[in-house]
Protein backbone atom coordinates (compact mmCIF):
# COMPACT_ATOMS: atom_id res chain seq x y z
CA MET A 1 28.42 92.75 135.75
CA ARG A 2 31.65 90.77 134.70
CA ALA A 3 29.56 87.79 133.91
CA LEU A 4 27.29 89.89 131.87
CA ALA A 5 30.18 91.36 129.95
CA ALA A 6 31.54 88.10 129.30
CA HIS A 7 28.50 86.64 128.05
CA PHE A 8 27.81 89.74 125.69
CA ASN A 9 31.41 89.33 124.46
CA THR A 10 30.80 85.63 123.57
CA LEU A 11 27.56 86.51 121.76
CA LEU A 12 29.14 89.39 120.21
CA PHE A 13 32.33 87.61 118.91
CA LYS A 14 31.01 84.12 118.70
CA ARG A 15 33.49 82.64 120.74
CA ARG A 16 33.89 80.84 124.17
CA PRO A 17 34.81 83.14 127.11
CA TRP A 18 38.23 82.72 128.59
CA ASN A 19 37.53 81.59 132.00
CA VAL A 20 34.92 79.04 131.08
CA GLN A 21 36.33 75.48 130.88
CA SER A 22 34.83 73.37 127.97
CA ARG A 23 34.36 69.80 127.86
CA TYR A 24 36.12 70.04 124.34
CA PHE A 25 39.25 71.74 125.51
CA SER A 26 41.52 69.00 124.97
CA SER A 27 40.40 68.41 121.54
CA PHE A 28 40.61 72.29 120.85
CA ASN A 29 44.23 72.41 121.56
CA GLY A 30 44.94 69.46 119.52
CA LYS A 31 43.02 71.14 116.60
CA ALA A 32 44.99 74.44 117.20
CA ALA A 33 48.34 72.36 117.23
CA ASP A 34 47.26 70.74 113.99
CA GLU A 35 46.38 73.91 112.42
CA ALA A 36 49.81 75.54 113.71
CA SER A 37 51.79 72.56 112.13
CA LEU A 38 49.85 72.95 109.03
CA GLU A 39 50.40 76.51 108.70
CA GLN A 40 54.06 75.88 109.45
CA GLU A 41 54.14 73.27 106.75
CA ALA A 42 52.74 75.70 104.21
CA GLU A 43 55.00 78.45 105.14
CA ARG A 44 58.08 76.03 104.76
CA LYS A 45 56.81 74.98 101.17
CA ILE A 46 56.16 78.31 100.22
CA GLY A 47 59.69 79.35 101.28
CA TRP A 48 61.00 76.81 99.22
CA LEU A 49 59.00 77.72 96.33
CA LEU A 50 60.23 81.23 96.50
CA LYS A 51 63.81 80.06 96.93
CA LEU A 52 63.58 77.65 93.84
CA PHE A 53 61.99 80.56 91.82
CA PHE A 54 64.83 83.10 92.76
CA ALA A 55 67.60 80.43 91.99
CA GLY A 56 65.94 79.84 88.41
CA THR A 57 65.76 83.63 87.89
CA ALA A 58 69.41 83.98 88.90
CA THR A 59 70.34 81.00 86.87
CA PHE A 60 68.61 82.61 83.80
CA VAL A 61 69.94 85.95 84.05
CA ALA A 62 73.50 84.58 84.73
CA TYR A 63 73.11 82.55 81.56
CA GLN A 64 72.24 85.55 79.56
CA PHE A 65 74.78 87.79 80.96
CA PHE A 66 78.10 85.89 81.34
CA PRO A 67 79.04 85.25 77.82
CA TYR A 68 79.49 89.10 77.54
CA MET A 69 82.05 88.69 80.17
CA GLY A 70 85.15 86.91 78.68
CA ASP A 71 86.33 86.95 75.27
CA ASN A 72 83.84 89.18 74.03
CA LEU A 73 84.73 91.92 76.59
CA MET A 74 88.03 91.89 75.39
CA HIS A 75 86.86 92.40 71.62
CA GLN A 76 84.71 95.19 72.80
CA SER A 77 87.62 96.78 74.68
CA LEU A 78 89.55 96.43 71.47
CA SER A 79 86.90 98.11 69.20
CA LEU A 80 87.03 101.07 71.70
CA LEU A 81 90.62 101.50 70.45
CA HIS A 82 89.17 102.26 66.86
CA VAL A 83 86.92 105.06 68.04
CA LYS A 84 88.35 108.52 67.22
CA ASP A 85 87.35 109.99 70.77
CA PRO A 86 90.52 109.85 73.13
CA LEU A 87 88.32 109.13 75.91
CA PHE A 88 87.07 106.07 74.52
CA LYS A 89 90.58 105.04 73.56
CA ARG A 90 91.75 105.49 76.93
CA MET A 91 89.00 103.45 78.36
CA GLY A 92 89.61 100.52 75.79
CA ALA A 93 93.39 100.71 76.69
CA SER A 94 92.51 100.65 80.46
CA ARG A 95 90.25 97.68 80.11
CA LEU A 96 92.77 95.64 78.17
CA ALA A 97 95.41 96.55 80.89
CA ARG A 98 93.21 95.18 83.49
CA PHE A 99 92.67 91.92 81.68
CA ALA A 100 96.17 91.22 81.23
CA ILE A 101 96.48 89.53 84.56
CA ASP A 102 98.24 86.46 83.44
CA ASP A 103 100.43 85.02 80.36
CA GLN A 104 97.53 83.38 78.94
CA ARG A 105 95.26 86.41 78.76
CA ARG A 106 98.19 88.65 77.59
CA MET A 107 98.76 86.38 74.54
CA LYS A 108 94.84 86.37 73.79
CA ILE A 109 95.05 90.26 73.67
CA VAL A 110 98.13 89.89 71.37
CA GLU A 111 96.55 87.46 69.21
CA ILE A 112 93.17 89.25 68.72
CA GLY A 113 95.38 92.26 67.46
CA GLY A 114 95.22 94.30 70.83
CA ALA A 115 99.03 94.91 70.92
CA GLN A 116 98.92 96.30 67.30
CA GLU A 117 95.89 98.40 68.14
CA LEU A 118 97.62 99.75 71.25
CA LEU A 119 100.70 100.76 69.19
CA ASN A 120 98.67 102.39 66.71
CA MET A 121 96.97 104.29 69.36
CA LEU A 122 100.30 105.45 70.83
CA GLY A 123 101.39 106.56 67.50
CA SER A 124 98.45 108.84 66.96
CA ALA A 125 97.59 109.99 70.50
CA ARG A 126 97.70 113.80 70.78
CA ASP A 127 97.54 114.29 74.50
CA GLU A 128 99.50 112.83 77.26
CA ARG A 129 96.71 110.97 79.14
CA THR A 130 95.98 108.74 76.11
CA GLN A 131 99.87 108.40 75.53
CA LYS A 132 100.21 107.38 79.27
CA GLU A 133 97.05 104.99 79.11
CA ALA A 134 98.50 103.16 75.85
CA LEU A 135 102.08 102.86 77.30
CA LYS A 136 100.52 101.56 80.51
CA ALA A 137 98.64 98.97 78.87
CA LEU A 138 101.75 98.09 76.65
CA SER A 139 103.66 98.00 80.02
CA THR A 140 101.21 95.32 81.18
CA LEU A 141 101.44 93.28 78.12
CA SER A 142 105.20 93.11 78.27
CA LYS A 143 105.18 91.11 81.44
CA SER A 144 105.04 88.01 79.00
CA ASP A 145 107.97 87.33 77.05
CA GLU A 146 106.09 86.22 73.96
CA ALA A 147 104.04 89.37 74.09
CA VAL A 148 107.26 91.37 74.19
CA LYS A 149 108.33 89.41 71.15
CA ALA A 150 105.15 90.26 69.40
CA LEU A 151 105.43 94.07 70.23
CA HIS A 152 109.06 93.85 69.03
CA ASN A 153 107.89 92.31 65.62
CA ALA A 154 104.98 94.91 65.23
CA GLY A 155 107.68 97.91 65.54
CA ALA A 156 106.97 98.88 69.10
CA ILE A 157 110.46 100.29 69.67
CA SER A 158 110.20 102.85 67.00
CA VAL A 159 106.82 103.90 68.31
CA ILE A 160 107.85 104.08 71.87
CA LYS A 161 111.09 106.13 71.28
CA SER A 162 108.97 108.60 69.06
CA THR A 163 106.67 109.28 72.10
CA PRO A 164 107.50 112.71 73.27
CA ASP A 165 108.86 113.02 77.03
CA THR A 166 106.78 115.36 79.06
CA PHE A 167 107.94 117.16 82.32
CA GLU A 168 104.39 117.18 83.65
CA ASP A 169 103.52 113.63 83.84
CA ALA A 170 106.62 111.53 84.83
CA GLU A 171 104.85 108.23 84.42
CA ILE A 172 105.19 108.38 80.85
CA GLY A 173 108.99 108.35 81.02
CA ALA A 174 108.78 105.60 83.60
CA TYR A 175 106.57 103.42 81.34
CA LYS A 176 108.80 104.33 78.12
CA SER A 177 112.20 103.38 80.03
CA ASN A 178 110.62 100.35 81.48
CA LEU A 179 109.24 99.13 77.99
CA LEU A 180 112.68 99.79 76.39
CA LYS A 181 114.54 97.93 79.11
CA ARG A 182 112.41 95.01 78.60
CA PHE A 183 112.94 94.97 75.02
CA GLN A 184 116.76 95.34 75.62
CA ASP A 185 116.61 92.37 78.34
CA LEU A 186 114.67 90.42 75.68
CA ARG A 187 117.51 91.02 72.95
CA TYR A 188 120.15 89.92 75.46
CA ASP A 189 118.09 86.87 76.17
CA ILE A 190 117.78 85.93 72.55
CA SER A 191 121.47 86.57 71.83
CA SER A 192 122.76 84.37 74.65
C-alpha cells in the first residue's frame, strides 16, 4: 500500500519519491547547492540595491530640507515677531532664545535685527506671557558682552524698566533684574 501511495505521489507531483535513491543523487545535491548560492547572491545584490536606493533618497531629502535649518530658520523666527498675534510673537521669541546657544549665534541674531525686534516686542506687549518670552529671549542674548552692548545702544534699559512688574509671574521680575544687573556690570567693565 505504501509503495502504491509513493508511486501515485510521484506521478501526481512529478518528483522523485523520498525513499528511492537515485543514481543522480550527488549531482542533484550539487544543483541544489548551486541554486541556493545563486539565490543568496541575488538576495545580497538586491539588498545592496535597496540600501543604495534608500541612501540616495535620504541624501536627496536632506539636501532639500537642511537649507531651511540654519540662518533661514532664524530669519523666519524673526519674521514671527512682526506678526500682530501675541502667540506667534511668543513662538518667535522662544525660537530665538533656543538659537542663542553660543556667542556667535547670539551676535548673528543681533546682526539680523533680532535684539531690536525683541525690544519692540517687549515695548508693545500687552500680556504677561508675551513680556515674559521677550525678557527670556533678551536674557539669553545678554550672555554675550557684544550683544549687551548692542542692546544698550538700542535703548534696552528704558524699555526693560518700563515693563510693569507683576505679582502673579515672578519670572518677569527675575528676568528684569538679571538684565538690568547685566547692563550695570557692563558699565563698570567699560569704565574701569
